[in-house]
């Protein structure tokens, strides 16, 4: 498990209230979205990727549509490398949702058409990142999220 304190980004979030609903500004899609527990985690991860891992915001896709075995799915976050090849696939869950084998199966399913180098799953409290080895048909868990400048 990777130790990341996502809460340190909370004061950087743009939140507004309209009536009874609260909205959160997404800097990638440039619009306000209903603030849900999963969306909160997604926005905190985005800030971490941009600020700590030096990921170029123009290489981040949110809720990218994928076709997996004739089914249309949407991944939470997909990050591209300098050559615009899919590099990191992220699955976000609400803090109340435990990271389980089901979460890993979901992200592995989404990765079938992408073949990214790295998979990341988080609920904001628990974070796991693994590097894929397609030739060896294996993966290994990492102690931190990779830097994006290197690719």
Protein backbone atom coordinates (compact mmCIF):
# COMPACT_ATOMS: atom_id res chain seq x y z
CA UNK A 1 0.00 0.00 0.00
CA UNK A 2 1.19 3.51 -0.81
CA UNK A 3 0.93 6.15 1.91
CA UNK A 4 -0.56 9.33 0.37
CA UNK A 5 -2.26 12.05 2.36
CA UNK A 6 -4.82 13.25 -0.17
CA UNK A 7 -6.48 15.44 2.48
CA UNK A 8 -3.73 18.04 2.04
CA UNK A 9 -5.30 18.96 -1.32
CA UNK A 10 -8.79 19.58 0.06
CA UNK A 11 -8.18 23.30 0.57
CA UNK A 12 -7.33 23.62 -3.14
CA UNK A 13 -10.69 22.28 -4.30
CA UNK A 14 -13.25 24.74 -5.64
CA UNK A 15 -16.61 23.91 -4.09
CA UNK A 16 -19.86 25.82 -4.47
CA UNK A 17 -23.35 25.32 -3.13
CA UNK A 18 -26.53 25.74 -5.14
CA UNK A 19 -29.64 25.12 -3.12
CA UNK A 20 -29.19 21.83 -1.28
CA UNK A 21 -26.48 20.49 -3.60
CA UNK A 22 -22.75 21.01 -3.47
CA UNK A 23 -20.61 21.10 -6.61
CA UNK A 24 -16.93 20.52 -7.16
CA UNK A 25 -14.92 22.11 -9.98
CA UNK A 26 -13.08 19.67 -12.24
CA UNK A 27 -9.97 21.42 -13.64
CA UNK A 28 -9.60 18.87 -16.43
CA UNK A 29 -13.15 19.05 -17.78
CA UNK A 30 -13.41 22.73 -16.79
CA UNK A 31 -16.85 22.45 -15.20
CA UNK A 32 -18.62 22.00 -11.88
CA UNK A 33 -19.85 18.49 -11.04
CA UNK A 34 -22.10 17.23 -8.27
CA UNK A 35 -19.90 16.56 -5.26
CA UNK A 36 -20.16 12.83 -4.59
CA UNK A 37 -17.79 10.84 -2.37
CA UNK A 38 -16.20 9.17 -5.43
CA UNK A 39 -15.86 12.48 -7.29
CA UNK A 40 -14.11 13.96 -4.26
CA UNK A 41 -11.54 11.14 -4.35
CA UNK A 42 -11.09 11.54 -8.11
CA UNK A 43 -10.41 15.28 -7.81
CA UNK A 44 -7.93 14.76 -4.97
CA UNK A 45 -6.08 12.16 -7.07
CA UNK A 46 -5.98 14.55 -10.03
CA UNK A 47 -4.43 17.27 -7.84
CA UNK A 48 -1.85 14.78 -6.55
CA UNK A 49 -0.94 13.69 -10.08
CA UNK A 50 -0.54 17.28 -11.28
CA UNK A 51 1.16 18.79 -8.24
CA UNK A 52 3.28 15.94 -6.87
CA UNK A 53 3.90 13.72 -9.89
CA UNK A 54 4.26 16.56 -12.40
CA UNK A 55 1.66 15.12 -14.73
CA UNK A 56 0.67 17.45 -17.54
CA UNK A 57 -3.06 18.19 -17.17
CA UNK A 58 -3.42 18.03 -20.97
CA UNK A 59 -2.51 14.33 -20.80
CA UNK A 60 -5.28 13.44 -18.35
CA UNK A 61 -8.62 12.06 -19.55
CA UNK A 62 -11.55 11.75 -17.15
CA UNK A 63 -14.30 9.16 -17.61
CA UNK A 64 -12.77 8.08 -20.91
CA UNK A 65 -15.10 5.77 -22.85
CA UNK A 66 -13.66 2.32 -23.52
CA UNK A 67 -14.99 -0.63 -25.46
CA UNK A 68 -14.27 -3.87 -23.61
CA UNK A 69 -15.57 -7.06 -25.26
CA UNK A 70 -18.40 -5.16 -26.99
CA UNK A 71 -19.38 -3.40 -23.73
CA UNK A 72 -19.01 0.35 -23.35
CA UNK A 73 -17.31 1.31 -20.07
CA UNK A 74 -15.85 4.49 -18.60
CA UNK A 75 -12.59 4.58 -16.69
CA UNK A 76 -12.14 7.16 -13.93
CA UNK A 77 -8.76 8.60 -14.94
CA UNK A 78 -6.48 7.75 -17.86
CA UNK A 79 -3.08 9.42 -18.12
CA UNK A 80 -1.09 9.48 -21.34
CA UNK A 81 2.69 9.64 -21.71
CA UNK A 82 4.59 12.09 -23.95
CA UNK A 83 3.82 10.00 -27.04
CA UNK A 84 0.11 10.06 -26.05
CA UNK A 85 0.21 6.33 -25.29
CA UNK A 86 -1.95 5.26 -22.31
CA UNK A 87 0.42 5.21 -19.34
CA UNK A 88 -1.59 5.08 -16.09
CA UNK A 89 -5.13 3.87 -15.49
CA UNK A 90 -6.80 4.96 -12.23
CA UNK A 91 -9.89 3.54 -10.54
CA UNK A 92 -11.32 5.69 -7.74
CA UNK A 93 -13.77 4.56 -5.10
CA UNK A 94 -15.50 6.49 -2.33
CA UNK A 95 -13.69 6.43 1.02
CA UNK A 96 -16.42 4.17 2.40
CA UNK A 97 -15.77 1.52 -0.29
CA UNK A 98 -13.04 -0.95 0.60
CA UNK A 99 -10.39 -1.75 -1.99
CA UNK A 100 -10.91 -5.43 -2.77
CA UNK A 101 -10.22 -8.11 -5.35
CA UNK A 102 -13.37 -6.89 -7.11
CA UNK A 103 -11.76 -3.44 -7.54
CA UNK A 104 -8.65 -5.01 -9.06
CA UNK A 105 -10.77 -7.15 -11.41
CA UNK A 106 -12.62 -4.03 -12.53
CA UNK A 107 -9.46 -2.09 -13.38
CA UNK A 108 -7.89 -5.16 -15.04
CA UNK A 109 -11.03 -5.48 -17.18
CA UNK A 110 -10.81 -1.80 -18.20
CA UNK A 111 -7.14 -2.29 -19.01
CA UNK A 112 -7.73 -5.08 -21.54
CA UNK A 113 -7.92 -2.73 -24.57
CA UNK A 114 -5.39 -0.22 -23.16
CA UNK A 115 -2.39 -2.23 -21.93
CA UNK A 116 -1.11 0.62 -19.73
CA UNK A 117 2.21 0.47 -17.89
CA UNK A 118 0.67 1.22 -14.49
CA UNK A 119 -2.62 0.59 -12.67
CA UNK A 120 -3.70 2.62 -9.63
CA UNK A 121 -6.65 1.94 -7.34
CA UNK A 122 -7.62 4.16 -4.44
CA UNK A 123 -10.45 5.12 -2.14
CA UNK A 124 -8.47 8.08 -0.83
CA UNK A 125 -7.46 6.14 2.29
CA UNK A 126 -5.89 3.07 0.72
CA UNK A 127 -3.88 3.37 -2.49
CA UNK A 128 -2.24 0.64 -4.54
CA UNK A 129 -0.19 1.02 -7.70
CA UNK A 130 1.23 -1.79 -9.77
CA UNK A 131 3.51 -1.99 -12.77
CA UNK A 132 2.37 -4.35 -15.49
CA UNK A 133 4.65 -6.93 -17.12
CA UNK A 134 2.77 -8.15 -20.19
CA UNK A 135 5.55 -10.41 -21.48
CA UNK A 136 5.85 -12.17 -18.12
CA UNK A 137 2.05 -12.07 -17.62
CA UNK A 138 2.54 -10.59 -14.17
CA UNK A 139 2.62 -7.37 -12.19
CA UNK A 140 4.40 -5.98 -9.18
CA UNK A 141 3.16 -3.58 -6.54
CA UNK A 142 5.08 -0.32 -6.24
CA UNK A 143 5.91 1.75 -3.19
CA UNK A 144 4.94 4.97 -4.96
CA UNK A 145 3.24 6.28 -8.07
CA UNK A 146 5.78 6.72 -10.90
CA UNK A 147 6.92 10.17 -12.03
CA UNK A 148 5.59 11.24 -15.41
CA UNK A 149 8.60 13.30 -16.56
CA UNK A 150 10.59 10.12 -17.16
CA UNK A 151 8.38 8.79 -19.93
